[in-house]
Amino acid sequence: MSGIAIVPFQREHAADFRRLNLNWIERLFTIEAPDLEVLDNPWGAISNMAA
């Protein structure tokens, strides 16, 4: 087993979600306003996608 688990998003994951996503976006692209909107409020962005 690899030690990697896929779990439902929870509010306590927000800081790690932001950090991990900023890392790969900055390496491959340029951070843009829509990126920050999602990363600053991932719960709202995820909830809106389900609606």
C-alpha atoms as a PDB file:
ATOM      1  CA  MET A   1       0.000   0.000   0.000  1.00  0.00           C
ATOM      2  CA  SER A   2       1.302   3.461  -0.900  1.00  0.00           C
ATOM      3  CA  GLY A   3       0.091   5.374   2.153  1.00  0.00           C
ATOM      4  CA  ILE A   4      -2.033   7.661  -0.025  1.00  0.00           C
ATOM      5  CA  ALA A   5      -5.742   7.874   0.702  1.00  0.00           C
ATOM      6  CA  ILE A   6      -8.465   9.769  -1.113  1.00  0.00           C
ATOM      7  CA  VAL A   7     -10.851  11.247   1.422  1.00  0.00           C
ATOM      8  CA  PRO A   8     -13.782  13.659   1.197  1.00  0.00           C
ATOM      9  CA  PHE A   9     -12.780  17.312   1.468  1.00  0.00           C
ATOM     10  CA  GLN A  10     -13.062  18.715   4.971  1.00  0.00           C
ATOM     11  CA  ARG A  11     -12.437  22.269   6.197  1.00  0.00           C
ATOM     12  CA  GLU A  12      -9.284  21.199   8.044  1.00  0.00           C
ATOM     13  CA  HIS A  13      -7.784  20.234   4.663  1.00  0.00           C
ATOM     14  CA  ALA A  14      -8.039  23.796   3.294  1.00  0.00           C
ATOM     15  CA  ALA A  15      -4.499  24.956   4.184  1.00  0.00           C
ATOM     16  CA  ASP A  16      -2.877  21.836   2.704  1.00  0.00           C
ATOM     17  CA  PHE A  17      -5.157  21.985  -0.359  1.00  0.00           C
ATOM     18  CA  ARG A  18      -4.038  25.597  -0.937  1.00  0.00           C
ATOM     19  CA  ARG A  19      -0.339  24.860  -0.373  1.00  0.00           C
ATOM     20  CA  LEU A  20      -0.250  21.801  -2.643  1.00  0.00           C
ATOM     21  CA  ASN A  21      -2.143  23.488  -5.456  1.00  0.00           C
ATOM     22  CA  LEU A  22      -0.122  26.715  -5.309  1.00  0.00           C
ATOM     23  CA  ASN A  23       3.035  24.633  -5.535  1.00  0.00           C
ATOM     24  CA  TRP A  24       2.195  22.853  -8.785  1.00  0.00           C
ATOM     25  CA  ILE A  25       0.428  25.837 -10.375  1.00  0.00           C
ATOM     26  CA  GLU A  26       3.444  28.084  -9.707  1.00  0.00           C
ATOM     27  CA  ARG A  27       5.815  25.502 -11.204  1.00  0.00           C
ATOM     28  CA  LEU A  28       3.824  25.026 -14.409  1.00  0.00           C
ATOM     29  CA  PHE A  29       1.737  28.177 -14.853  1.00  0.00           C
ATOM     30  CA  THR A  30       1.087  31.638 -13.441  1.00  0.00           C
ATOM     31  CA  ILE A  31      -1.251  32.103 -10.494  1.00  0.00           C
ATOM     32  CA  GLU A  32      -4.323  34.016 -11.637  1.00  0.00           C
ATOM     33  CA  ALA A  33      -7.207  35.638  -9.771  1.00  0.00           C
ATOM     34  CA  PRO A  34      -9.626  32.701 -10.356  1.00  0.00           C
ATOM     35  CA  ASP A  35      -7.023  30.318  -8.904  1.00  0.00           C
ATOM     36  CA  LEU A  36      -6.805  32.388  -5.736  1.00  0.00           C
ATOM     37  CA  GLU A  37     -10.586  32.639  -5.485  1.00  0.00           C
ATOM     38  CA  VAL A  38     -10.849  28.850  -5.359  1.00  0.00           C
ATOM     39  CA  LEU A  39      -7.801  28.365  -3.145  1.00  0.00           C
ATOM     40  CA  ASP A  40      -8.896  31.049  -0.691  1.00  0.00           C
ATOM     41  CA  ASN A  41     -12.377  29.535  -0.406  1.00  0.00           C
ATOM     42  CA  PRO A  42     -12.152  25.878  -1.470  1.00  0.00           C
ATOM     43  CA  TRP A  43     -15.248  24.884   0.479  1.00  0.00           C
ATOM     44  CA  GLY A  44     -17.368  27.434  -1.381  1.00  0.00           C
ATOM     45  CA  ALA A  45     -15.852  26.477  -4.735  1.00  0.00           C
ATOM     46  CA  ILE A  46     -16.428  22.765  -4.170  1.00  0.00           C
ATOM     47  CA  SER A  47     -19.961  23.356  -2.870  1.00  0.00           C
ATOM     48  CA  ASN A  48     -20.802  25.502  -5.908  1.00  0.00           C
ATOM     49  CA  MET A  49     -19.561  22.771  -8.270  1.00  0.00           C
ATOM     50  CA  ALA A  50     -22.001  20.300  -6.729  1.00  0.00           C
ATOM     51  CA  ALA A  51     -24.954  22.649  -7.115  1.00  0.00           C
END
